[in-house]
Amino acid sequence: MLRMLAPFLLALALIGVAAAARAECYADYKAKTDDPLRLHYGVIALPEEACTPEAAPRLIAERIDGEGWTLLKVMAIFDADGLEERRTSAGDYFLRY
């Protein structure tokens, strides 16, 4: 019985390793509100399916719109290596949404 389960268990383990090896995805962006005019720079975590230049703006706009922000521009899409250098600049908007 164990011999029959071994390939299945190995496959599950490999799937788990592959999932953990996926790079995390983030984007930095600029947004504004009107009346009064306010601007902010933020960093946001993105799911893997939104980690493209086409999908990221739609998702970011949806998330920040709930608080009245309008997305102006997605600056860059990056992995976890780019987080720390952006933390101070993003301030309160670092991974807020």
PDB file of N, CA and C in Angstrom:
ATOM      1  N   MET A   1       0.820  -1.196   0.000  1.00  0.00           N
ATOM      2  CA  MET A   1       0.000   0.000   0.000  1.00  0.00           C
ATOM      3  C   MET A   1       0.866   1.263   0.000  1.00  0.00           C
ATOM      4  N   LEU A   2       1.916   1.261   0.822  1.00  0.00           N
ATOM      5  CA  LEU A   2       2.795   2.421   0.877  1.00  0.00           C
ATOM      6  C   LEU A   2       3.473   2.657  -0.467  1.00  0.00           C
ATOM      7  N   ARG A   3       3.834   1.593  -1.150  1.00  0.00           N
ATOM      8  CA  ARG A   3       4.470   1.728  -2.470  1.00  0.00           C
ATOM      9  C   ARG A   3       3.508   2.368  -3.469  1.00  0.00           C
ATOM     10  N   MET A   4       2.236   2.107  -3.324  1.00  0.00           N
ATOM     11  CA  MET A   4       1.255   2.697  -4.232  1.00  0.00           C
ATOM     12  C   MET A   4       1.043   4.179  -3.923  1.00  0.00           C
ATOM     13  N   LEU A   5       1.164   4.546  -2.661  1.00  0.00           N
ATOM     14  CA  LEU A   5       0.959   5.934  -2.260  1.00  0.00           C
ATOM     15  C   LEU A   5       2.196   6.801  -2.469  1.00  0.00           C
ATOM     16  N   ALA A   6       3.358   6.205  -2.516  1.00  0.00           N
ATOM     17  CA  ALA A   6       4.604   6.969  -2.605  1.00  0.00           C
ATOM     18  C   ALA A   6       4.621   7.926  -3.793  1.00  0.00           C
ATOM     19  N   PRO A   7       4.288   7.510  -5.020  1.00  0.00           N
ATOM     20  CA  PRO A   7       4.302   8.467  -6.141  1.00  0.00           C
ATOM     21  C   PRO A   7       3.305   9.613  -5.937  1.00  0.00           C
ATOM     22  N   PHE A   8       2.151   9.302  -5.385  1.00  0.00           N
ATOM     23  CA  PHE A   8       1.147  10.322  -5.131  1.00  0.00           C
ATOM     24  C   PHE A   8       1.647  11.344  -4.102  1.00  0.00           C
ATOM     25  N   LEU A   9       2.248  10.859  -3.026  1.00  0.00           N
ATOM     26  CA  LEU A   9       2.772  11.746  -1.992  1.00  0.00           C
ATOM     27  C   LEU A   9       3.926  12.585  -2.512  1.00  0.00           C
ATOM     28  N   LEU A  10       4.754  11.996  -3.351  1.00  0.00           N
ATOM     29  CA  LEU A  10       5.854  12.740  -3.958  1.00  0.00           C
ATOM     30  C   LEU A  10       5.318  13.858  -4.840  1.00  0.00           C
ATOM     31  N   ALA A  11       4.298  13.557  -5.626  1.00  0.00           N
ATOM     32  CA  ALA A  11       3.691  14.570  -6.495  1.00  0.00           C
ATOM     33  C   ALA A  11       3.113  15.713  -5.673  1.00  0.00           C
ATOM     34  N   LEU A  12       2.441  15.410  -4.583  1.00  0.00           N
ATOM     35  CA  LEU A  12       1.900  16.457  -3.710  1.00  0.00           C
ATOM     36  C   LEU A  12       3.009  17.322  -3.121  1.00  0.00           C
ATOM     37  N   ALA A  13       4.088  16.689  -2.720  1.00  0.00           N
ATOM     38  CA  ALA A  13       5.216  17.436  -2.159  1.00  0.00           C
ATOM     39  C   ALA A  13       5.825  18.365  -3.199  1.00  0.00           C
ATOM     40  N   LEU A  14       5.967  17.893  -4.419  1.00  0.00           N
ATOM     41  CA  LEU A  14       6.533  18.723  -5.481  1.00  0.00           C
ATOM     42  C   LEU A  14       5.624  19.893  -5.822  1.00  0.00           C
ATOM     43  N   ILE A  15       4.332  19.679  -5.798  1.00  0.00           N
ATOM     44  CA  ILE A  15       3.393  20.772  -6.046  1.00  0.00           C
ATOM     45  C   ILE A  15       3.534  21.831  -4.951  1.00  0.00           C
ATOM     46  N   GLY A  16       3.672  21.406  -3.728  1.00  0.00           N
ATOM     47  CA  GLY A  16       3.854  22.336  -2.620  1.00  0.00           C
ATOM     48  C   GLY A  16       5.130  23.145  -2.753  1.00  0.00           C
ATOM     49  N   VAL A  17       6.216  22.501  -3.148  1.00  0.00           N
ATOM     50  CA  VAL A  17       7.485  23.199  -3.349  1.00  0.00           C
ATOM     51  C   VAL A  17       7.363  24.197  -4.484  1.00  0.00           C
ATOM     52  N   ALA A  18       6.716  23.826  -5.566  1.00  0.00           N
ATOM     53  CA  ALA A  18       6.543  24.733  -6.704  1.00  0.00           C
ATOM     54  C   ALA A  18       5.711  25.943  -6.310  1.00  0.00           C
ATOM     55  N   ALA A  19       4.682  25.740  -5.541  1.00  0.00           N
ATOM     56  CA  ALA A  19       3.847  26.864  -5.110  1.00  0.00           C
ATOM     57  C   ALA A  19       4.634  27.817  -4.221  1.00  0.00           C
ATOM     58  N   ALA A  20       5.455  27.274  -3.334  1.00  0.00           N
ATOM     59  CA  ALA A  20       6.252  28.115  -2.448  1.00  0.00           C
ATOM     60  C   ALA A  20       7.347  28.855  -3.206  1.00  0.00           C
ATOM     61  N   ALA A  21       7.793  28.306  -4.320  1.00  0.00           N
ATOM     62  CA  ALA A  21       8.878  28.916  -5.080  1.00  0.00           C
ATOM     63  C   ALA A  21       8.408  30.063  -5.963  1.00  0.00           C
ATOM     64  N   ARG A  22       7.096  30.191  -6.150  1.00  0.00           N
ATOM     65  CA  ARG A  22       6.597  31.291  -6.976  1.00  0.00           C
ATOM     66  C   ARG A  22       7.011  32.616  -6.376  1.00  0.00           C
ATOM     67  N   ALA A  23       7.421  33.519  -7.211  1.00  0.00           N
ATOM     68  CA  ALA A  23       7.812  34.835  -6.737  1.00  0.00           C
ATOM     69  C   ALA A  23       6.574  35.626  -6.333  1.00  0.00           C
ATOM     70  N   GLU A  24       6.703  36.381  -5.269  1.00  0.00           N
ATOM     71  CA  GLU A  24       5.631  37.266  -4.874  1.00  0.00           C
ATOM     72  C   GLU A  24       5.592  38.425  -5.853  1.00  0.00           C
ATOM     73  N   CYS A  25       4.438  39.026  -6.006  1.00  0.00           N
ATOM     74  CA  CYS A  25       4.262  40.084  -6.990  1.00  0.00           C
ATOM     75  C   CYS A  25       3.721  41.338  -6.310  1.00  0.00           C
ATOM     76  N   TYR A  26       4.318  42.466  -6.617  1.00  0.00           N
ATOM     77  CA  TYR A  26       3.933  43.752  -6.063  1.00  0.00           C
ATOM     78  C   TYR A  26       3.967  44.796  -7.166  1.00  0.00           C
ATOM     79  N   ALA A  27       3.296  45.913  -6.910  1.00  0.00           N
ATOM     80  CA  ALA A  27       3.358  47.042  -7.831  1.00  0.00           C
ATOM     81  C   ALA A  27       3.411  48.323  -7.012  1.00  0.00           C
ATOM     82  N   ASP A  28       4.059  49.340  -7.549  1.00  0.00           N
ATOM     83  CA  ASP A  28       3.953  50.656  -6.946  1.00  0.00           C
ATOM     84  C   ASP A  28       3.161  51.532  -7.907  1.00  0.00           C
ATOM     85  N   TYR A  29       2.447  52.484  -7.346  1.00  0.00           N
ATOM     86  CA  TYR A  29       1.498  53.259  -8.142  1.00  0.00           C
ATOM     87  C   TYR A  29       1.354  54.661  -7.557  1.00  0.00           C
ATOM     88  N   LYS A  30       0.733  55.545  -8.346  1.00  0.00           N
ATOM     89  CA  LYS A  30       0.366  56.882  -7.893  1.00  0.00           C
ATOM     90  C   LYS A  30      -1.135  57.017  -8.039  1.00  0.00           C
ATOM     91  N   ALA A  31      -1.752  57.697  -7.052  1.00  0.00           N
ATOM     92  CA  ALA A  31      -3.202  57.866  -7.066  1.00  0.00           C
ATOM     93  C   ALA A  31      -3.552  59.262  -6.568  1.00  0.00           C
ATOM     94  N   LYS A  32      -4.808  59.674  -6.825  1.00  0.00           N
ATOM     95  CA  LYS A  32      -5.265  60.996  -6.391  1.00  0.00           C
ATOM     96  C   LYS A  32      -6.731  60.946  -5.978  1.00  0.00           C
ATOM     97  N   THR A  33      -7.123  61.964  -5.239  1.00  0.00           N
ATOM     98  CA  THR A  33      -8.534  62.250  -4.991  1.00  0.00           C
ATOM     99  C   THR A  33      -8.754  63.696  -5.408  1.00  0.00           C
ATOM    100  N   ASP A  34      -9.974  64.025  -5.729  1.00  0.00           N
ATOM    101  CA  ASP A  34     -10.335  65.407  -6.059  1.00  0.00           C
ATOM    102  C   ASP A  34     -11.196  65.964  -4.932  1.00  0.00           C
ATOM    103  N   ASP A  35     -11.138  67.259  -4.765  1.00  0.00           N
ATOM    104  CA  ASP A  35     -12.011  68.000  -3.854  1.00  0.00           C
ATOM    105  C   ASP A  35     -11.986  67.472  -2.441  1.00  0.00           C
ATOM    106  N   PRO A  36     -10.943  67.630  -1.701  1.00  0.00           N
ATOM    107  CA  PRO A  36      -9.733  68.346  -2.051  1.00  0.00           C
ATOM    108  C   PRO A  36      -8.745  67.445  -2.801  1.00  0.00           C
ATOM    109  N   LEU A  37      -7.900  68.083  -3.566  1.00  0.00           N
ATOM    110  CA  LEU A  37      -6.882  67.332  -4.294  1.00  0.00           C
ATOM    111  C   LEU A  37      -5.875  66.755  -3.300  1.00  0.00           C
ATOM    112  N   ARG A  38      -5.719  65.447  -3.358  1.00  0.00           N
ATOM    113  CA  ARG A  38      -4.706  64.756  -2.557  1.00  0.00           C
ATOM    114  C   ARG A  38      -4.033  63.746  -3.458  1.00  0.00           C
ATOM    115  N   LEU A  39      -2.755  63.523  -3.228  1.00  0.00           N
ATOM    116  CA  LEU A  39      -1.976  62.558  -4.002  1.00  0.00           C
ATOM    117  C   LEU A  39      -1.336  61.557  -3.053  1.00  0.00           C
ATOM    118  N   HIS A  40      -1.145  60.337  -3.531  1.00  0.00           N
ATOM    119  CA  HIS A  40      -0.347  59.398  -2.748  1.00  0.00           C
ATOM    120  C   HIS A  40       0.373  58.422  -3.666  1.00  0.00           C
ATOM    121  N   TYR A  41       1.483  57.947  -3.123  1.00  0.00           N
ATOM    122  CA  TYR A  41       2.296  56.904  -3.753  1.00  0.00           C
ATOM    123  C   TYR A  41       2.130  55.679  -2.865  1.00  0.00           C
ATOM    124  N   GLY A  42       1.856  54.525  -3.467  1.00  0.00           N
ATOM    125  CA  GLY A  42       1.655  53.331  -2.667  1.00  0.00           C
ATOM    126  C   GLY A  42       2.288  52.103  -3.280  1.00  0.00           C
ATOM    127  N   VAL A  43       2.389  51.078  -2.464  1.00  0.00           N
ATOM    128  CA  VAL A  43       2.867  49.763  -2.888  1.00  0.00           C
ATOM    129  C   VAL A  43       1.768  48.772  -2.525  1.00  0.00           C
ATOM    130  N   ILE A  44       1.461  47.877  -3.449  1.00  0.00           N
ATOM    131  CA  ILE A  44       0.352  46.949  -3.281  1.00  0.00           C
ATOM    132  C   ILE A  44       0.791  45.544  -3.663  1.00  0.00           C
ATOM    133  N   ALA A  45       0.305  44.552  -2.931  1.00  0.00           N
ATOM    134  CA  ALA A  45       0.561  43.149  -3.267  1.00  0.00           C
ATOM    135  C   ALA A  45      -0.471  42.713  -4.305  1.00  0.00           C
ATOM    136  N   LEU A  46      -0.021  41.973  -5.291  1.00  0.00           N
ATOM    137  CA  LEU A  46      -0.905  41.498  -6.353  1.00  0.00           C
ATOM    138  C   LEU A  46      -0.934  39.975  -6.382  1.00  0.00           C
ATOM    139  N   PRO A  47      -2.094  39.401  -6.700  1.00  0.00           N
ATOM    140  CA  PRO A  47      -2.130  37.958  -6.912  1.00  0.00           C
ATOM    141  C   PRO A  47      -1.426  37.623  -8.226  1.00  0.00           C
ATOM    142  N   GLU A  48      -1.007  36.396  -8.367  1.00  0.00           N
ATOM    143  CA  GLU A  48      -0.237  35.984  -9.541  1.00  0.00           C
ATOM    144  C   GLU A  48      -0.951  36.316 -10.851  1.00  0.00           C
ATOM    145  N   GLU A  49      -2.267  36.131 -10.891  1.00  0.00           N
ATOM    146  CA  GLU A  49      -2.999  36.371 -12.141  1.00  0.00           C
ATOM    147  C   GLU A  49      -3.075  37.852 -12.516  1.00  0.00           C
ATOM    148  N   ALA A  50      -2.799  38.744 -11.583  1.00  0.00           N
ATOM    149  CA  ALA A  50      -2.822  40.178 -11.878  1.00  0.00           C
ATOM    150  C   ALA A  50      -1.428  40.752 -12.024  1.00  0.00           C
ATOM    151  N   CYS A  51      -0.441  39.923 -12.119  1.00  0.00           N
ATOM    152  CA  CYS A  51       0.954  40.364 -12.174  1.00  0.00           C
ATOM    153  C   CYS A  51       1.402  40.618 -13.607  1.00  0.00           C
ATOM    154  N   THR A  52       0.603  41.364 -14.353  1.00  0.00           N
ATOM    155  CA  THR A  52       0.940  41.743 -15.725  1.00  0.00           C
ATOM    156  C   THR A  52       0.628  43.222 -15.899  1.00  0.00           C
ATOM    157  N   PRO A  53       1.278  43.880 -16.859  1.00  0.00           N
ATOM    158  CA  PRO A  53       0.988  45.302 -17.100  1.00  0.00           C
ATOM    159  C   PRO A  53      -0.461  45.558 -17.517  1.00  0.00           C
ATOM    160  N   GLU A  54      -1.125  44.550 -18.061  1.00  0.00           N
ATOM    161  CA  GLU A  54      -2.518  44.724 -18.476  1.00  0.00           C
ATOM    162  C   GLU A  54      -3.487  44.556 -17.307  1.00  0.00           C
ATOM    163  N   ALA A  55      -3.236  43.588 -16.441  1.00  0.00           N
ATOM    164  CA  ALA A  55      -4.167  43.274 -15.361  1.00  0.00           C
ATOM    165  C   ALA A  55      -3.953  44.107 -14.101  1.00  0.00           C
ATOM    166  N   ALA A  56      -2.729  44.472 -13.800  1.00  0.00           N
ATOM    167  CA  ALA A  56      -2.422  45.187 -12.556  1.00  0.00           C
ATOM    168  C   ALA A  56      -3.207  46.491 -12.416  1.00  0.00           C
ATOM    169  N   PRO A  57      -3.264  47.350 -13.424  1.00  0.00           N
ATOM    170  CA  PRO A  57      -4.008  48.608 -13.245  1.00  0.00           C
ATOM    171  C   PRO A  57      -5.486  48.403 -12.902  1.00  0.00           C
ATOM    172  N   ARG A  58      -6.114  47.414 -13.512  1.00  0.00           N
ATOM    173  CA  ARG A  58      -7.533  47.160 -13.217  1.00  0.00           C
ATOM    174  C   ARG A  58      -7.721  46.760 -11.757  1.00  0.00           C
ATOM    175  N   LEU A  59      -6.894  45.851 -11.282  1.00  0.00           N
ATOM    176  CA  LEU A  59      -7.021  45.384  -9.906  1.00  0.00           C
ATOM    177  C   LEU A  59      -6.708  46.495  -8.913  1.00  0.00           C
ATOM    178  N   ILE A  60      -5.652  47.239  -9.153  1.00  0.00           N
ATOM    179  CA  ILE A  60      -5.282  48.328  -8.243  1.00  0.00           C
ATOM    180  C   ILE A  60      -6.399  49.366  -8.194  1.00  0.00           C
ATOM    181  N   ALA A  61      -6.925  49.744  -9.347  1.00  0.00           N
ATOM    182  CA  ALA A  61      -8.012  50.728  -9.392  1.00  0.00           C
ATOM    183  C   ALA A  61      -9.224  50.243  -8.602  1.00  0.00           C
ATOM    184  N   GLU A  62      -9.563  48.974  -8.727  1.00  0.00           N
ATOM    185  CA  GLU A  62     -10.696  48.418  -7.980  1.00  0.00           C
ATOM    186  C   GLU A  62     -10.463  48.504  -6.474  1.00  0.00           C
ATOM    187  N   ARG A  63      -9.259  48.164  -6.040  1.00  0.00           N
ATOM    188  CA  ARG A  63      -8.971  48.146  -4.604  1.00  0.00           C
ATOM    189  C   ARG A  63      -8.973  49.536  -3.986  1.00  0.00           C
ATOM    190  N   ILE A  64      -8.367  50.514  -4.662  1.00  0.00           N
ATOM    191  CA  ILE A  64      -8.244  51.843  -4.060  1.00  0.00           C
ATOM    192  C   ILE A  64      -9.489  52.692  -4.252  1.00  0.00           C
ATOM    193  N   ASP A  65     -10.329  52.345  -5.212  1.00  0.00           N
ATOM    194  CA  ASP A  65     -11.534  53.123  -5.488  1.00  0.00           C
ATOM    195  C   ASP A  65     -12.485  53.139  -4.298  1.00  0.00           C
ATOM    196  N   GLY A  66     -12.483  52.100  -3.511  1.00  0.00           N
ATOM    197  CA  GLY A  66     -13.366  52.024  -2.354  1.00  0.00           C
ATOM    198  C   GLY A  66     -13.151  53.144  -1.350  1.00  0.00           C
ATOM    199  N   GLU A  67     -11.990  53.733  -1.351  1.00  0.00           N
ATOM    200  CA  GLU A  67     -11.697  54.851  -0.455  1.00  0.00           C
ATOM    201  C   GLU A  67     -11.620  56.167  -1.205  1.00  0.00           C
ATOM    202  N   GLY A  68     -12.142  56.184  -2.433  1.00  0.00           N
ATOM    203  CA  GLY A  68     -12.223  57.426  -3.193  1.00  0.00           C
ATOM    204  C   GLY A  68     -10.994  57.808  -3.998  1.00  0.00           C
ATOM    205  N   TRP A  69     -10.034  56.914  -4.106  1.00  0.00           N
ATOM    206  CA  TRP A  69      -8.818  57.208  -4.864  1.00  0.00           C
ATOM    207  C   TRP A  69      -8.999  56.840  -6.329  1.00  0.00           C
ATOM    208  N   THR A  70      -8.356  57.609  -7.192  1.00  0.00           N
ATOM    209  CA  THR A  70      -8.324  57.330  -8.620  1.00  0.00           C
ATOM    210  C   THR A  70      -6.887  56.984  -8.995  1.00  0.00           C
ATOM    211  N   LEU A  71      -6.699  55.859  -9.631  1.00  0.00           N
ATOM    212  CA  LEU A  71      -5.357  55.448 -10.055  1.00  0.00           C
ATOM    213  C   LEU A  71      -4.862  56.365 -11.157  1.00  0.00           C
ATOM    214  N   LEU A  72      -3.670  56.900 -10.976  1.00  0.00           N
ATOM    215  CA  LEU A  72      -3.053  57.733 -12.005  1.00  0.00           C
ATOM    216  C   LEU A  72      -2.094  56.928 -12.874  1.00  0.00           C
ATOM    217  N   LYS A  73      -1.254  56.114 -12.208  1.00  0.00           N
ATOM    218  CA  LYS A  73      -0.225  55.406 -12.964  1.00  0.00           C
ATOM    219  C   LYS A  73       0.335  54.248 -12.146  1.00  0.00           C
ATOM    220  N   VAL A  74       0.548  53.124 -12.809  1.00  0.00           N
ATOM    221  CA  VAL A  74       1.303  52.023 -12.208  1.00  0.00           C
ATOM    222  C   VAL A  74       2.760  52.280 -12.587  1.00  0.00           C
ATOM    223  N   MET A  75       3.590  52.439 -11.579  1.00  0.00           N
ATOM    224  CA  MET A  75       4.990  52.775 -11.818  1.00  0.00           C
ATOM    225  C   MET A  75       5.788  51.553 -12.273  1.00  0.00           C
ATOM    226  N   ALA A  76       5.635  50.439 -11.549  1.00  0.00           N
ATOM    227  CA  ALA A  76       6.399  49.228 -11.850  1.00  0.00           C
ATOM    228  C   ALA A  76       5.737  48.025 -11.197  1.00  0.00           C
ATOM    229  N   ILE A  77       6.003  46.875 -11.763  1.00  0.00           N
ATOM    230  CA  ILE A  77       5.604  45.596 -11.179  1.00  0.00           C
ATOM    231  C   ILE A  77       6.907  44.882 -10.833  1.00  0.00           C
ATOM    232  N   PHE A  78       7.006  44.355  -9.609  1.00  0.00           N
ATOM    233  CA  PHE A  78       8.283  43.816  -9.140  1.00  0.00           C
ATOM    234  C   PHE A  78       8.043  42.693  -8.150  1.00  0.00           C
ATOM    235  N   ASP A  79       9.116  42.009  -7.768  1.00  0.00           N
ATOM    236  CA  ASP A  79       9.001  40.932  -6.781  1.00  0.00           C
ATOM    237  C   ASP A  79       9.432  41.442  -5.405  1.00  0.00           C
ATOM    238  N   ALA A  80       9.537  40.559  -4.448  1.00  0.00           N
ATOM    239  CA  ALA A  80       9.828  40.935  -3.067  1.00  0.00           C
ATOM    240  C   ALA A  80      11.162  41.657  -2.911  1.00  0.00           C
ATOM    241  N   ASP A  81      12.078  41.467  -3.847  1.00  0.00           N
ATOM    242  CA  ASP A  81      13.369  42.146  -3.748  1.00  0.00           C
ATOM    243  C   ASP A  81      13.230  43.664  -3.797  1.00  0.00           C
ATOM    244  N   GLY A  82      12.155  44.174  -4.389  1.00  0.00           N
ATOM    245  CA  GLY A  82      11.981  45.622  -4.512  1.00  0.00           C
ATOM    246  C   GLY A  82      11.177  46.262  -3.398  1.00  0.00           C
ATOM    247  N   LEU A  83      10.746  45.481  -2.428  1.00  0.00           N
ATOM    248  CA  LEU A  83       9.875  46.025  -1.380  1.00  0.00           C
ATOM    249  C   LEU A  83      10.563  47.022  -0.460  1.00  0.00           C
ATOM    250  N   GLU A  84      11.663  46.638   0.126  1.00  0.00           N
ATOM    251  CA  GLU A  84      12.284  47.468   1.160  1.00  0.00           C
ATOM    252  C   GLU A  84      12.688  48.841   0.650  1.00  0.00           C
ATOM    253  N   GLU A  85      13.157  48.922  -0.572  1.00  0.00           N
ATOM    254  CA  GLU A  85      13.583  50.229  -1.091  1.00  0.00           C
ATOM    255  C   GLU A  85      12.407  51.178  -1.298  1.00  0.00           C
ATOM    256  N   ARG A  86      11.174  50.654  -1.298  1.00  0.00           N
ATOM    257  CA  ARG A  86       9.979  51.478  -1.510  1.00  0.00           C
ATOM    258  C   ARG A  86       9.200  51.738  -0.220  1.00  0.00           C
ATOM    259  N   ARG A  87       9.552  51.068   0.851  1.00  0.00           N
ATOM    260  CA  ARG A  87       8.790  51.150   2.097  1.00  0.00           C
ATOM    261  C   ARG A  87       8.667  52.583   2.619  1.00  0.00           C
ATOM    262  N   THR A  88       9.752  53.291   2.722  1.00  0.00           N
ATOM    263  CA  THR A  88       9.738  54.642   3.273  1.00  0.00           C
ATOM    264  C   THR A  88       8.947  55.593   2.387  1.00  0.00           C
ATOM    265  N   SER A  89       9.138  55.516   1.089  1.00  0.00           N
ATOM    266  CA  SER A  89       8.425  56.408   0.170  1.00  0.00           C
ATOM    267  C   SER A  89       6.917  56.192   0.210  1.00  0.00           C
ATOM    268  N   ALA A  90       6.486  54.969   0.392  1.00  0.00           N
ATOM    269  CA  ALA A  90       5.053  54.664   0.396  1.00  0.00           C
ATOM    270  C   ALA A  90       4.399  55.021   1.729  1.00  0.00           C
ATOM    271  N   GLY A  91       5.147  55.043   2.795  1.00  0.00           N
ATOM    272  CA  GLY A  91       4.606  55.433   4.089  1.00  0.00           C
ATOM    273  C   GLY A  91       3.363  54.639   4.471  1.00  0.00           C
ATOM    274  N   ASP A  92       2.260  55.356   4.773  1.00  0.00           N
ATOM    275  CA  ASP A  92       1.008  54.710   5.185  1.00  0.00           C
ATOM    276  C   ASP A  92       0.395  53.857   4.079  1.00  0.00           C
ATOM    277  N   TYR A  93       0.823  54.056   2.858  1.00  0.00           N
ATOM    278  CA  TYR A  93       0.252  53.316   1.725  1.00  0.00           C
ATOM    279  C   TYR A  93       1.124  52.137   1.288  1.00  0.00           C
ATOM    280  N   PHE A  94       2.018  51.714   2.169  1.00  0.00           N
ATOM    281  CA  PHE A  94       2.838  50.535   1.929  1.00  0.00           C
ATOM    282  C   PHE A  94       2.012  49.303   2.275  1.00  0.00           C
ATOM    283  N   LEU A  95       1.614  48.548   1.272  1.00  0.00           N
ATOM    284  CA  LEU A  95       0.813  47.335   1.406  1.00  0.00           C
ATOM    285  C   LEU A  95      -0.513  47.582   2.136  1.00  0.00           C
ATOM    286  N   ARG A  96      -1.060  48.780   2.010  1.00  0.00           N
ATOM    287  CA  ARG A  96      -2.328  49.119   2.653  1.00  0.00           C
ATOM    288  C   ARG A  96      -3.507  48.424   1.978  1.00  0.00           C
ATOM    289  N   TYR A  97      -3.460  48.337   0.671  1.00  0.00           N
ATOM    290  CA  TYR A  97      -4.590  47.741  -0.069  1.00  0.00           C
ATOM    291  C   TYR A  97      -4.220  46.352  -0.482  1.00  0.00           C
TER     292      TYR A  97
END
